[in-house]
Amino acid sequence: MKFPVPHTLKQIANLIDCKFVGGDDFPVLGMNEIHVVEPGDIVFVDHPKYYGKALESAATIVLINKEVDCPEGKALLISDDPFRDFNKLTNHFKPFSASNSAISQTAKIGKNTVIQPNCFIGNNVVIGDNCIIHSNVSLYDDTILGDNVTIHSGSVLGANAFYYKNRPEGYDRLQSCGRVVVENHVDIGASCTIDRGVTADTRICEGSKIDNQVQVGHDTVIGKKCLIASQVGIAGCVVIEDEVTIWGQVGITSGITIGKKAVISAKAGVSKSLEGGKSYFGIPADDFRSKYKEIASIKKIPEILEKLKNQDNNV
């Protein structure tokens, strides 16, 4: 998320009441999660395991819970609770704004677009030309749809990221201020759920088709001309490259990449990045040739055990 206007390091430190390392007028342009940070962004880190990754990232301001050596050309915000203060900044720059109508007056709706009854269109939503939004669809604030997009009944775009910190008193949610962006010629089936990015975009690229009852986690990017069938669950921060096919009831873990033109068969469990141009199935998912060899080997186990038993009897 980029701020409406640039801020200084001192201004940001005053907002969250913390110490800082760097010049008072060090420029702060926005805030983002580690996987999408750019120069001028704030990134937060609250565990020593990830200090190095944050300090070495593209972010030039690190919100951290320990005073460490500041890398050259960067600045630090020293906080006793970076998670809490990242939320404070989100609430300051992107506060929740309640709607008072089914279709917000700030929404922009293109030519020849049809909005069926009982839809909710939130603040600052943009819908392109020639779209069909069927009944009982909810488009949360800041959702962007391109041209010729179809969304079927009961789908929800823009709900919060599933991102929590476990505290003694209970789970503390990281506030979501990102968007869902759906490009041209995308179809989304009934009862799908596509979560907004934490600070950036969850994106469905041009020409992709999503069947009913699919979950897409925060900050995931689905490439062009992908086919995703029913009851697929995709965690956050996944990159699915162009022309990937994913059949029903596939589960995909967070932070991995599925290569271009991969095919993942039904009920597969994807726990690591997969190379493009191959077909996969099974739990954990593996390419067809390897998986069939594995299955063939497993089928031989009774025969092997019988041979070992006979050898023992002959001793």
C-alpha atoms as a PDB file:
ATOM      1  CA  MET A   1       0.000   0.000   0.000  1.00  0.00           C
ATOM      2  CA  LYS A   2       1.312   3.410  -0.964  1.00  0.00           C
ATOM      3  CA  PHE A   3       0.433   6.385   1.219  1.00  0.00           C
ATOM      4  CA  PRO A   4      -1.636   9.178  -0.358  1.00  0.00           C
ATOM      5  CA  VAL A   5       1.356  11.506   0.135  1.00  0.00           C
ATOM      6  CA  PRO A   6       4.955  10.787   1.191  1.00  0.00           C
ATOM      7  CA  HIS A   7       5.678  10.906   4.914  1.00  0.00           C
ATOM      8  CA  THR A   8       8.882  11.298   6.896  1.00  0.00           C
ATOM      9  CA  LEU A   9      10.379   8.786   9.288  1.00  0.00           C
ATOM     10  CA  LYS A  10       9.724  11.139  12.207  1.00  0.00           C
ATOM     11  CA  GLN A  11       6.050  11.512  11.247  1.00  0.00           C
ATOM     12  CA  ILE A  12       5.592   7.738  11.134  1.00  0.00           C
ATOM     13  CA  ALA A  13       7.437   7.277  14.442  1.00  0.00           C
ATOM     14  CA  ASN A  14       5.130   9.848  16.042  1.00  0.00           C
ATOM     15  CA  LEU A  15       2.045   8.010  14.752  1.00  0.00           C
ATOM     16  CA  ILE A  16       3.047   4.801  16.532  1.00  0.00           C
ATOM     17  CA  ASP A  17       5.000   6.422  19.387  1.00  0.00           C
ATOM     18  CA  CYS A  18       8.286   4.619  18.858  1.00  0.00           C
ATOM     19  CA  LYS A  19      12.007   5.344  18.563  1.00  0.00           C
ATOM     20  CA  PHE A  20      13.659   5.448  15.174  1.00  0.00           C
ATOM     21  CA  VAL A  21      17.101   5.117  13.608  1.00  0.00           C
ATOM     22  CA  GLY A  22      17.664   7.367  10.604  1.00  0.00           C
ATOM     23  CA  GLY A  23      17.180  10.978   9.559  1.00  0.00           C
ATOM     24  CA  ASP A  24      14.046  12.824  10.667  1.00  0.00           C
ATOM     25  CA  ASP A  25      13.153  13.492   7.047  1.00  0.00           C
ATOM     26  CA  PHE A  26      13.957   9.986   5.716  1.00  0.00           C
ATOM     27  CA  PRO A  27      11.201   9.371   3.110  1.00  0.00           C
ATOM     28  CA  VAL A  28       8.469   6.817   3.790  1.00  0.00           C
ATOM     29  CA  LEU A  29       6.214   6.087   0.814  1.00  0.00           C
ATOM     30  CA  GLY A  30       4.124   3.118   1.932  1.00  0.00           C
ATOM     31  CA  MET A  31       3.975  -0.200   3.759  1.00  0.00           C
ATOM     32  CA  ASN A  32       3.940  -3.767   2.514  1.00  0.00           C
ATOM     33  CA  GLU A  33       4.493  -7.396   3.382  1.00  0.00           C
ATOM     34  CA  ILE A  34       7.937  -8.878   2.856  1.00  0.00           C
ATOM     35  CA  HIS A  35       7.140 -10.608  -0.463  1.00  0.00           C
ATOM     36  CA  VAL A  36       5.981  -7.392  -2.197  1.00  0.00           C
ATOM     37  CA  VAL A  37       8.059  -4.625  -0.606  1.00  0.00           C
ATOM     38  CA  GLU A  38       9.681  -1.895  -2.684  1.00  0.00           C
ATOM     39  CA  PRO A  39      12.085   0.930  -1.833  1.00  0.00           C
ATOM     40  CA  GLY A  40      10.278   3.476   0.333  1.00  0.00           C
ATOM     41  CA  ASP A  41       8.120   0.813   2.016  1.00  0.00           C
ATOM     42  CA  ILE A  42       7.875  -0.171   5.673  1.00  0.00           C
ATOM     43  CA  VAL A  43       8.135  -3.893   6.425  1.00  0.00           C
ATOM     44  CA  PHE A  44       7.596  -5.327   9.896  1.00  0.00           C
ATOM     45  CA  VAL A  45       9.472  -8.164  11.607  1.00  0.00           C
ATOM     46  CA  ASP A  46       9.042  -9.457  15.153  1.00  0.00           C
ATOM     47  CA  HIS A  47      11.062 -12.696  15.254  1.00  0.00           C
ATOM     48  CA  PRO A  48      14.876 -13.043  15.178  1.00  0.00           C
ATOM     49  CA  LYS A  49      14.549 -15.842  12.624  1.00  0.00           C
ATOM     50  CA  TYR A  50      13.377 -13.307  10.036  1.00  0.00           C
ATOM     51  CA  TYR A  51      15.486 -10.267  10.958  1.00  0.00           C
ATOM     52  CA  GLY A  52      17.970 -10.896   8.163  1.00  0.00           C
ATOM     53  CA  LYS A  53      15.298 -11.375   5.518  1.00  0.00           C
ATOM     54  CA  ALA A  54      13.587  -8.111   6.476  1.00  0.00           C
ATOM     55  CA  LEU A  55      16.774  -6.083   6.791  1.00  0.00           C
ATOM     56  CA  GLU A  56      18.052  -7.358   3.438  1.00  0.00           C
ATOM     57  CA  SER A  57      14.735  -6.905   1.613  1.00  0.00           C
ATOM     58  CA  ALA A  58      13.887  -4.119  -0.828  1.00  0.00           C
ATOM     59  CA  ALA A  59      12.095  -2.265   1.994  1.00  0.00           C
ATOM     60  CA  THR A  60      14.004   0.795   3.178  1.00  0.00           C
ATOM     61  CA  ILE A  61      12.227   1.118   6.540  1.00  0.00           C
ATOM     62  CA  VAL A  62      12.137  -1.850   8.925  1.00  0.00           C
ATOM     63  CA  LEU A  63       9.671  -1.888  11.825  1.00  0.00           C
ATOM     64  CA  ILE A  64      11.477  -4.184  14.282  1.00  0.00           C
ATOM     65  CA  ASN A  65      11.328  -5.163  17.956  1.00  0.00           C
ATOM     66  CA  LYS A  66      15.077  -4.918  18.624  1.00  0.00           C
ATOM     67  CA  GLU A  67      17.651  -2.211  18.009  1.00  0.00           C
ATOM     68  CA  VAL A  68      20.070  -3.750  15.508  1.00  0.00           C
ATOM     69  CA  ASP A  69      22.714  -2.405  13.146  1.00  0.00           C
ATOM     70  CA  CYS A  70      20.909  -0.419  10.477  1.00  0.00           C
ATOM     71  CA  PRO A  71      21.911  -1.294   6.899  1.00  0.00           C
ATOM     72  CA  GLU A  72      23.276   1.575   4.845  1.00  0.00           C
ATOM     73  CA  GLY A  73      20.585   3.571   3.067  1.00  0.00           C
ATOM     74  CA  LYS A  74      17.813   2.254   5.334  1.00  0.00           C
ATOM     75  CA  ALA A  75      16.004   3.306   8.525  1.00  0.00           C
ATOM     76  CA  LEU A  76      14.577   1.510  11.540  1.00  0.00           C
ATOM     77  CA  LEU A  77      11.437   1.965  13.608  1.00  0.00           C
ATOM     78  CA  ILE A  78      12.033   0.364  17.026  1.00  0.00           C
ATOM     79  CA  SER A  79       8.809  -0.992  18.522  1.00  0.00           C
ATOM     80  CA  ASP A  80       8.012  -3.326  21.403  1.00  0.00           C
ATOM     81  CA  ASP A  81       5.258  -4.830  19.205  1.00  0.00           C
ATOM     82  CA  PRO A  82       5.722  -4.415  15.432  1.00  0.00           C
ATOM     83  CA  PHE A  83       2.588  -6.437  14.630  1.00  0.00           C
ATOM     84  CA  ARG A  84       0.439  -4.086  16.708  1.00  0.00           C
ATOM     85  CA  ASP A  85       2.062  -0.979  15.242  1.00  0.00           C
ATOM     86  CA  PHE A  86       1.760  -2.245  11.651  1.00  0.00           C
ATOM     87  CA  ASN A  87      -1.974  -2.547  12.355  1.00  0.00           C
ATOM     88  CA  LYS A  88      -2.008   0.984  13.777  1.00  0.00           C
ATOM     89  CA  LEU A  89      -0.540   2.293  10.541  1.00  0.00           C
ATOM     90  CA  THR A  90      -3.055   0.313   8.476  1.00  0.00           C
ATOM     91  CA  ASN A  91      -5.940   1.724  10.491  1.00  0.00           C
ATOM     92  CA  HIS A  92      -4.532   5.248  10.150  1.00  0.00           C
ATOM     93  CA  PHE A  93      -3.943   5.212   6.401  1.00  0.00           C
ATOM     94  CA  LYS A  94      -6.726   2.824   5.362  1.00  0.00           C
ATOM     95  CA  PRO A  95      -9.448   2.866   8.025  1.00  0.00           C
ATOM     96  CA  PHE A  96     -12.569   0.769   7.615  1.00  0.00           C
ATOM     97  CA  SER A  97     -15.455   2.781   6.205  1.00  0.00           C
ATOM     98  CA  ALA A  98     -18.961   1.418   6.756  1.00  0.00           C
ATOM     99  CA  SER A  99     -21.363   1.384   3.816  1.00  0.00           C
ATOM    100  CA  ASN A 100     -24.883   2.777   4.032  1.00  0.00           C
ATOM    101  CA  SER A 101     -26.241   1.373   0.765  1.00  0.00           C
ATOM    102  CA  ALA A 102     -26.138  -1.877  -1.202  1.00  0.00           C
ATOM    103  CA  ILE A 103     -24.191  -0.180  -3.998  1.00  0.00           C
ATOM    104  CA  SER A 104     -21.780   2.477  -2.794  1.00  0.00           C
ATOM    105  CA  GLN A 105     -21.978   5.908  -4.345  1.00  0.00           C
ATOM    106  CA  THR A 106     -18.200   5.739  -4.786  1.00  0.00           C
ATOM    107  CA  ALA A 107     -18.401   2.606  -6.940  1.00  0.00           C
ATOM    108  CA  LYS A 108     -17.774   2.951 -10.684  1.00  0.00           C
ATOM    109  CA  ILE A 109     -19.733   0.625 -12.953  1.00  0.00           C
ATOM    110  CA  GLY A 110     -18.985   0.328 -16.655  1.00  0.00           C
ATOM    111  CA  LYS A 111     -21.216   0.309 -19.723  1.00  0.00           C
ATOM    112  CA  ASN A 112     -23.585  -2.610 -20.352  1.00  0.00           C
ATOM    113  CA  THR A 113     -22.749  -4.155 -17.001  1.00  0.00           C
ATOM    114  CA  VAL A 114     -25.589  -5.978 -15.216  1.00  0.00           C
ATOM    115  CA  ILE A 115     -25.818  -6.059 -11.428  1.00  0.00           C
ATOM    116  CA  GLN A 116     -28.475  -8.571 -10.362  1.00  0.00           C
ATOM    117  CA  PRO A 117     -30.613  -7.978  -7.226  1.00  0.00           C
ATOM    118  CA  ASN A 118     -29.249  -8.387  -3.694  1.00  0.00           C
ATOM    119  CA  CYS A 119     -25.617  -7.712  -4.561  1.00  0.00           C
ATOM    120  CA  PHE A 120     -23.317  -5.676  -2.319  1.00  0.00           C
ATOM    121  CA  ILE A 121     -20.875  -3.331  -4.059  1.00  0.00           C
ATOM    122  CA  GLY A 122     -18.520  -1.656  -1.571  1.00  0.00           C
ATOM    123  CA  ASN A 123     -16.629   1.606  -1.439  1.00  0.00           C
ATOM    124  CA  ASN A 124     -14.291   2.450  -4.320  1.00  0.00           C
ATOM    125  CA  VAL A 125     -15.164  -0.700  -6.246  1.00  0.00           C
ATOM    126  CA  VAL A 126     -14.510  -0.480  -9.989  1.00  0.00           C
ATOM    127  CA  ILE A 127     -16.391  -2.742 -12.424  1.00  0.00           C
ATOM    128  CA  GLY A 128     -15.581  -2.652 -16.127  1.00  0.00           C
ATOM    129  CA  ASP A 129     -17.799  -2.900 -19.198  1.00  0.00           C
ATOM    130  CA  ASN A 130     -20.020  -5.839 -20.184  1.00  0.00           C
ATOM    131  CA  CYS A 131     -19.837  -7.609 -16.829  1.00  0.00           C
ATOM    132  CA  ILE A 132     -22.551  -9.762 -15.230  1.00  0.00           C
ATOM    133  CA  ILE A 133     -22.668  -9.860 -11.450  1.00  0.00           C
ATOM    134  CA  HIS A 134     -25.273 -12.390 -10.359  1.00  0.00           C
ATOM    135  CA  SER A 135     -27.431 -12.130  -7.242  1.00  0.00           C
ATOM    136  CA  ASN A 136     -25.984 -12.239  -3.734  1.00  0.00           C
ATOM    137  CA  VAL A 137     -22.427 -11.464  -4.804  1.00  0.00           C
ATOM    138  CA  SER A 138     -20.420  -9.299  -2.399  1.00  0.00           C
ATOM    139  CA  LEU A 139     -17.599  -7.125  -3.700  1.00  0.00           C
ATOM    140  CA  TYR A 140     -15.831  -5.623  -0.686  1.00  0.00           C
ATOM    141  CA  ASP A 141     -14.186  -2.208  -0.727  1.00  0.00           C
ATOM    142  CA  ASP A 142     -11.535  -1.468  -3.377  1.00  0.00           C
ATOM    143  CA  THR A 143     -12.221  -4.573  -5.491  1.00  0.00           C
ATOM    144  CA  ILE A 144     -11.350  -4.022  -9.167  1.00  0.00           C
ATOM    145  CA  LEU A 145     -12.995  -5.910 -12.047  1.00  0.00           C
ATOM    146  CA  GLY A 146     -11.971  -5.588 -15.682  1.00  0.00           C
ATOM    147  CA  ASP A 147     -14.215  -5.928 -18.738  1.00  0.00           C
ATOM    148  CA  ASN A 148     -16.336  -8.977 -19.603  1.00  0.00           C
ATOM    149  CA  VAL A 149     -16.147 -10.501 -16.134  1.00  0.00           C
ATOM    150  CA  THR A 150     -18.862 -12.880 -14.906  1.00  0.00           C
ATOM    151  CA  ILE A 151     -19.343 -13.667 -11.204  1.00  0.00           C
ATOM    152  CA  HIS A 152     -21.987 -16.164 -10.130  1.00  0.00           C
ATOM    153  CA  SER A 153     -24.254 -16.106  -7.098  1.00  0.00           C
ATOM    154  CA  GLY A 154     -22.931 -16.172  -3.573  1.00  0.00           C
ATOM    155  CA  SER A 155     -19.290 -15.367  -4.314  1.00  0.00           C
ATOM    156  CA  VAL A 156     -17.389 -13.003  -2.027  1.00  0.00           C
ATOM    157  CA  LEU A 157     -14.393 -10.978  -3.198  1.00  0.00           C
ATOM    158  CA  GLY A 158     -12.293  -8.978  -0.766  1.00  0.00           C
ATOM    159  CA  ALA A 159     -12.727 -10.623   2.642  1.00  0.00           C
ATOM    160  CA  ASN A 160      -9.890 -10.339   5.165  1.00  0.00           C
ATOM    161  CA  ALA A 161      -6.660 -12.254   4.812  1.00  0.00           C
ATOM    162  CA  PHE A 162      -6.457 -15.259   7.137  1.00  0.00           C
ATOM    163  CA  TYR A 163      -3.423 -13.938   9.023  1.00  0.00           C
ATOM    164  CA  TYR A 164      -3.246 -14.015  12.834  1.00  0.00           C
ATOM    165  CA  LYS A 165      -0.739 -13.670  15.652  1.00  0.00           C
ATOM    166  CA  ASN A 166      -1.196 -16.056  18.568  1.00  0.00           C
ATOM    167  CA  ARG A 167      -1.209 -14.061  21.805  1.00  0.00           C
ATOM    168  CA  PRO A 168      -1.887 -15.348  25.358  1.00  0.00           C
ATOM    169  CA  GLU A 169      -5.302 -13.671  25.336  1.00  0.00           C
ATOM    170  CA  GLY A 170      -6.253 -15.024  21.887  1.00  0.00           C
ATOM    171  CA  TYR A 171      -5.600 -14.593  18.175  1.00  0.00           C
ATOM    172  CA  ASP A 172      -4.856 -11.075  16.934  1.00  0.00           C
ATOM    173  CA  ARG A 173      -5.749 -10.408  13.283  1.00  0.00           C
ATOM    174  CA  LEU A 174      -3.405  -8.581  10.942  1.00  0.00           C
ATOM    175  CA  GLN A 175      -5.526  -5.880   9.336  1.00  0.00           C
ATOM    176  CA  SER A 176      -6.049  -6.220   5.578  1.00  0.00           C
ATOM    177  CA  CYS A 177      -5.848  -3.114   3.403  1.00  0.00           C
ATOM    178  CA  GLY A 178      -5.064  -4.683   0.016  1.00  0.00           C
ATOM    179  CA  ARG A 179      -7.357  -5.383  -2.921  1.00  0.00           C
ATOM    180  CA  VAL A 180      -8.740  -8.087  -5.162  1.00  0.00           C
ATOM    181  CA  VAL A 181      -8.016  -7.366  -8.831  1.00  0.00           C
ATOM    182  CA  VAL A 182      -9.792  -9.413 -11.520  1.00  0.00           C
ATOM    183  CA  GLU A 183      -8.642  -8.809 -15.081  1.00  0.00           C
ATOM    184  CA  ASN A 184     -10.623  -8.992 -18.349  1.00  0.00           C
ATOM    185  CA  HIS A 185     -12.571 -12.076 -19.475  1.00  0.00           C
ATOM    186  CA  VAL A 186     -12.447 -13.868 -16.131  1.00  0.00           C
ATOM    187  CA  ASP A 187     -15.336 -16.098 -15.022  1.00  0.00           C
ATOM    188  CA  ILE A 188     -15.856 -16.872 -11.341  1.00  0.00           C
ATOM    189  CA  GLY A 189     -18.337 -19.560 -10.308  1.00  0.00           C
ATOM    190  CA  ALA A 190     -20.873 -19.678  -7.509  1.00  0.00           C
ATOM    191  CA  SER A 191     -19.889 -19.560  -3.822  1.00  0.00           C
ATOM    192  CA  CYS A 192     -16.239 -18.738  -4.421  1.00  0.00           C
ATOM    193  CA  THR A 193     -14.209 -16.766  -1.881  1.00  0.00           C
ATOM    194  CA  ILE A 194     -11.247 -14.625  -2.908  1.00  0.00           C
ATOM    195  CA  ASP A 195      -9.472 -12.823  -0.066  1.00  0.00           C
ATOM    196  CA  ARG A 196      -7.915  -9.383  -0.434  1.00  0.00           C
ATOM    197  CA  GLY A 197      -4.192  -8.870  -0.123  1.00  0.00           C
ATOM    198  CA  VAL A 198      -2.823  -7.827   3.262  1.00  0.00           C
ATOM    199  CA  THR A 199      -1.240  -4.707   1.776  1.00  0.00           C
ATOM    200  CA  ALA A 200      -1.064  -5.493  -1.941  1.00  0.00           C
ATOM    201  CA  ASP A 201      -3.285  -7.310  -4.471  1.00  0.00           C
ATOM    202  CA  THR A 202      -4.770 -10.750  -4.836  1.00  0.00           C
ATOM    203  CA  ARG A 203      -4.932 -11.003  -8.618  1.00  0.00           C
ATOM    204  CA  ILE A 204      -6.796 -13.193 -11.129  1.00  0.00           C
ATOM    205  CA  CYS A 205      -5.259 -12.572 -14.539  1.00  0.00           C
ATOM    206  CA  GLU A 206      -6.910 -12.293 -17.933  1.00  0.00           C
ATOM    207  CA  GLY A 207      -8.920 -15.165 -19.329  1.00  0.00           C
ATOM    208  CA  SER A 208      -8.820 -17.450 -16.282  1.00  0.00           C
ATOM    209  CA  LYS A 209     -11.903 -19.481 -15.396  1.00  0.00           C
ATOM    210  CA  ILE A 210     -12.783 -20.521 -11.852  1.00  0.00           C
ATOM    211  CA  ASP A 211     -15.472 -23.102 -11.073  1.00  0.00           C
ATOM    212  CA  ASN A 212     -17.798 -23.155  -8.052  1.00  0.00           C
ATOM    213  CA  GLN A 213     -16.647 -23.305  -4.416  1.00  0.00           C
ATOM    214  CA  VAL A 214     -13.018 -22.281  -4.848  1.00  0.00           C
ATOM    215  CA  GLN A 215     -11.047 -20.495  -2.110  1.00  0.00           C
ATOM    216  CA  VAL A 216      -8.180 -18.158  -3.065  1.00  0.00           C
ATOM    217  CA  GLY A 217      -6.019 -16.863  -0.225  1.00  0.00           C
ATOM    218  CA  HIS A 218      -4.545 -13.409   0.280  1.00  0.00           C
ATOM    219  CA  ASP A 219      -1.921 -12.040  -2.121  1.00  0.00           C
ATOM    220  CA  THR A 220      -2.139 -15.060  -4.401  1.00  0.00           C
ATOM    221  CA  VAL A 221      -1.630 -14.412  -8.113  1.00  0.00           C
ATOM    222  CA  ILE A 222      -3.374 -16.653 -10.649  1.00  0.00           C
ATOM    223  CA  GLY A 223      -1.952 -16.232 -14.148  1.00  0.00           C
ATOM    224  CA  LYS A 224      -3.595 -15.958 -17.545  1.00  0.00           C
ATOM    225  CA  LYS A 225      -5.921 -18.629 -18.980  1.00  0.00           C
ATOM    226  CA  CYS A 226      -5.869 -20.883 -15.931  1.00  0.00           C
ATOM    227  CA  LEU A 227      -8.654 -23.414 -15.282  1.00  0.00           C
ATOM    228  CA  ILE A 228      -9.488 -24.121 -11.639  1.00  0.00           C
ATOM    229  CA  ALA A 229     -12.236 -26.631 -10.876  1.00  0.00           C
ATOM    230  CA  SER A 230     -14.543 -26.931  -7.885  1.00  0.00           C
ATOM    231  CA  GLN A 231     -13.477 -27.118  -4.231  1.00  0.00           C
ATOM    232  CA  VAL A 232      -9.864 -26.162  -4.817  1.00  0.00           C
ATOM    233  CA  GLY A 233      -8.288 -24.451  -1.806  1.00  0.00           C
ATOM    234  CA  ILE A 234      -5.351 -22.125  -2.497  1.00  0.00           C
ATOM    235  CA  ALA A 235      -3.507 -20.619   0.469  1.00  0.00           C
ATOM    236  CA  GLY A 236      -2.012 -17.137   0.600  1.00  0.00           C
ATOM    237  CA  CYS A 237       0.968 -15.818  -1.355  1.00  0.00           C
ATOM    238  CA  VAL A 238       0.841 -18.541  -4.018  1.00  0.00           C
ATOM    239  CA  VAL A 239       1.952 -17.797  -7.590  1.00  0.00           C
ATOM    240  CA  ILE A 240       0.140 -19.830 -10.249  1.00  0.00           C
ATOM    241  CA  GLU A 241       1.669 -19.164 -13.631  1.00  0.00           C
ATOM    242  CA  ASP A 242      -0.181 -18.997 -16.970  1.00  0.00           C
ATOM    243  CA  GLU A 243      -2.330 -21.820 -18.392  1.00  0.00           C
ATOM    244  CA  VAL A 244      -2.266 -24.013 -15.302  1.00  0.00           C
ATOM    245  CA  THR A 245      -5.121 -26.507 -14.851  1.00  0.00           C
ATOM    246  CA  ILE A 246      -6.179 -27.525 -11.338  1.00  0.00           C
ATOM    247  CA  TRP A 247      -8.950 -30.087 -10.994  1.00  0.00           C
ATOM    248  CA  GLY A 248     -11.338 -30.391  -8.032  1.00  0.00           C
ATOM    249  CA  GLN A 249     -10.465 -30.695  -4.331  1.00  0.00           C
ATOM    250  CA  VAL A 250      -6.793 -29.831  -4.691  1.00  0.00           C
ATOM    251  CA  GLY A 251      -5.168 -28.236  -1.647  1.00  0.00           C
ATOM    252  CA  ILE A 252      -2.221 -25.878  -2.152  1.00  0.00           C
ATOM    253  CA  THR A 253       0.004 -24.638   0.676  1.00  0.00           C
ATOM    254  CA  SER A 254       1.151 -21.032   1.020  1.00  0.00           C
ATOM    255  CA  GLY A 255       4.101 -19.282  -0.568  1.00  0.00           C
ATOM    256  CA  ILE A 256       4.831 -21.667  -3.436  1.00  0.00           C
ATOM    257  CA  THR A 257       4.875 -21.394  -7.236  1.00  0.00           C
ATOM    258  CA  ILE A 258       3.054 -23.610  -9.742  1.00  0.00           C
ATOM    259  CA  GLY A 259       4.842 -23.463 -13.097  1.00  0.00           C
ATOM    260  CA  LYS A 260       3.285 -22.615 -16.450  1.00  0.00           C
ATOM    261  CA  LYS A 261       1.006 -25.231 -18.034  1.00  0.00           C
ATOM    262  CA  ALA A 262       1.177 -27.590 -15.061  1.00  0.00           C
ATOM    263  CA  VAL A 263      -1.827 -29.895 -14.577  1.00  0.00           C
ATOM    264  CA  ILE A 264      -2.784 -30.918 -11.037  1.00  0.00           C
ATOM    265  CA  SER A 265      -5.310 -33.729 -10.786  1.00  0.00           C
ATOM    266  CA  ALA A 266      -8.181 -33.990  -8.330  1.00  0.00           C
ATOM    267  CA  LYS A 267      -7.567 -34.437  -4.600  1.00  0.00           C
ATOM    268  CA  ALA A 268      -3.843 -33.709  -4.873  1.00  0.00           C
ATOM    269  CA  GLY A 269      -2.061 -32.091  -1.942  1.00  0.00           C
ATOM    270  CA  VAL A 270       0.549 -29.570  -3.082  1.00  0.00           C
ATOM    271  CA  SER A 271       3.157 -28.874  -0.388  1.00  0.00           C
ATOM    272  CA  LYS A 272       6.027 -27.501  -2.503  1.00  0.00           C
ATOM    273  CA  SER A 273       6.608 -25.579  -5.724  1.00  0.00           C
ATOM    274  CA  LEU A 274       5.940 -27.565  -8.895  1.00  0.00           C
ATOM    275  CA  GLU A 275       7.699 -27.318 -12.237  1.00  0.00           C
ATOM    276  CA  GLY A 276       5.636 -26.241 -15.218  1.00  0.00           C
ATOM    277  CA  GLY A 277       4.674 -28.409 -18.182  1.00  0.00           C
ATOM    278  CA  LYS A 278       4.068 -31.570 -16.135  1.00  0.00           C
ATOM    279  CA  SER A 279       1.062 -33.405 -14.697  1.00  0.00           C
ATOM    280  CA  TYR A 280       0.774 -34.130 -10.979  1.00  0.00           C
ATOM    281  CA  PHE A 281      -1.398 -36.080  -8.562  1.00  0.00           C
ATOM    282  CA  GLY A 282      -1.329 -37.606  -5.094  1.00  0.00           C
ATOM    283  CA  ILE A 283      -0.499 -36.530  -1.543  1.00  0.00           C
ATOM    284  CA  PRO A 284       2.045 -35.085  -1.554  1.00  0.00           C
ATOM    285  CA  ALA A 285       1.630 -34.195  -5.218  1.00  0.00           C
ATOM    286  CA  ASP A 286       4.292 -35.516  -7.574  1.00  0.00           C
ATOM    287  CA  ASP A 287       4.541 -35.970 -11.338  1.00  0.00           C
ATOM    288  CA  PHE A 288       2.632 -38.891 -12.840  1.00  0.00           C
ATOM    289  CA  ARG A 289       5.665 -41.026 -13.720  1.00  0.00           C
ATOM    290  CA  SER A 290       7.210 -40.799 -10.247  1.00  0.00           C
ATOM    291  CA  LYS A 291       3.871 -41.362  -8.532  1.00  0.00           C
ATOM    292  CA  TYR A 292       3.023 -44.439 -10.610  1.00  0.00           C
ATOM    293  CA  LYS A 293       6.462 -45.920  -9.856  1.00  0.00           C
ATOM    294  CA  GLU A 294       5.807 -45.294  -6.166  1.00  0.00           C
ATOM    295  CA  ILE A 295       2.395 -46.987  -6.377  1.00  0.00           C
ATOM    296  CA  ALA A 296       3.863 -49.941  -8.269  1.00  0.00           C
ATOM    297  CA  SER A 297       6.540 -50.331  -5.602  1.00  0.00           C
ATOM    298  CA  ILE A 298       3.964 -50.227  -2.811  1.00  0.00           C
ATOM    299  CA  LYS A 299       1.962 -52.968  -4.526  1.00  0.00           C
ATOM    300  CA  LYS A 300       5.045 -55.207  -4.413  1.00  0.00           C
ATOM    301  CA  ILE A 301       5.381 -54.972  -0.627  1.00  0.00           C
ATOM    302  CA  PRO A 302       3.116 -58.001   0.143  1.00  0.00           C
ATOM    303  CA  GLU A 303       5.097 -60.098  -2.357  1.00  0.00           C
ATOM    304  CA  ILE A 304       8.400 -59.001  -0.830  1.00  0.00           C
ATOM    305  CA  LEU A 305       7.144 -59.718   2.699  1.00  0.00           C
ATOM    306  CA  GLU A 306       5.995 -63.189   1.615  1.00  0.00           C
ATOM    307  CA  LYS A 307       9.425 -63.952   0.131  1.00  0.00           C
ATOM    308  CA  LEU A 308      11.149 -62.814   3.328  1.00  0.00           C
ATOM    309  CA  LYS A 309       8.784 -64.975   5.380  1.00  0.00           C
ATOM    310  CA  ASN A 310       9.561 -68.031   3.214  1.00  0.00           C
ATOM    311  CA  GLN A 311      13.293 -67.380   3.559  1.00  0.00           C
ATOM    312  CA  ASP A 312      12.946 -67.320   7.343  1.00  0.00           C
ATOM    313  CA  ASN A 313      11.012 -70.588   7.270  1.00  0.00           C
ATOM    314  CA  ASN A 314      13.716 -72.246   5.184  1.00  0.00           C
ATOM    315  CA  VAL A 315      16.530 -71.234   7.526  1.00  0.00           C
END
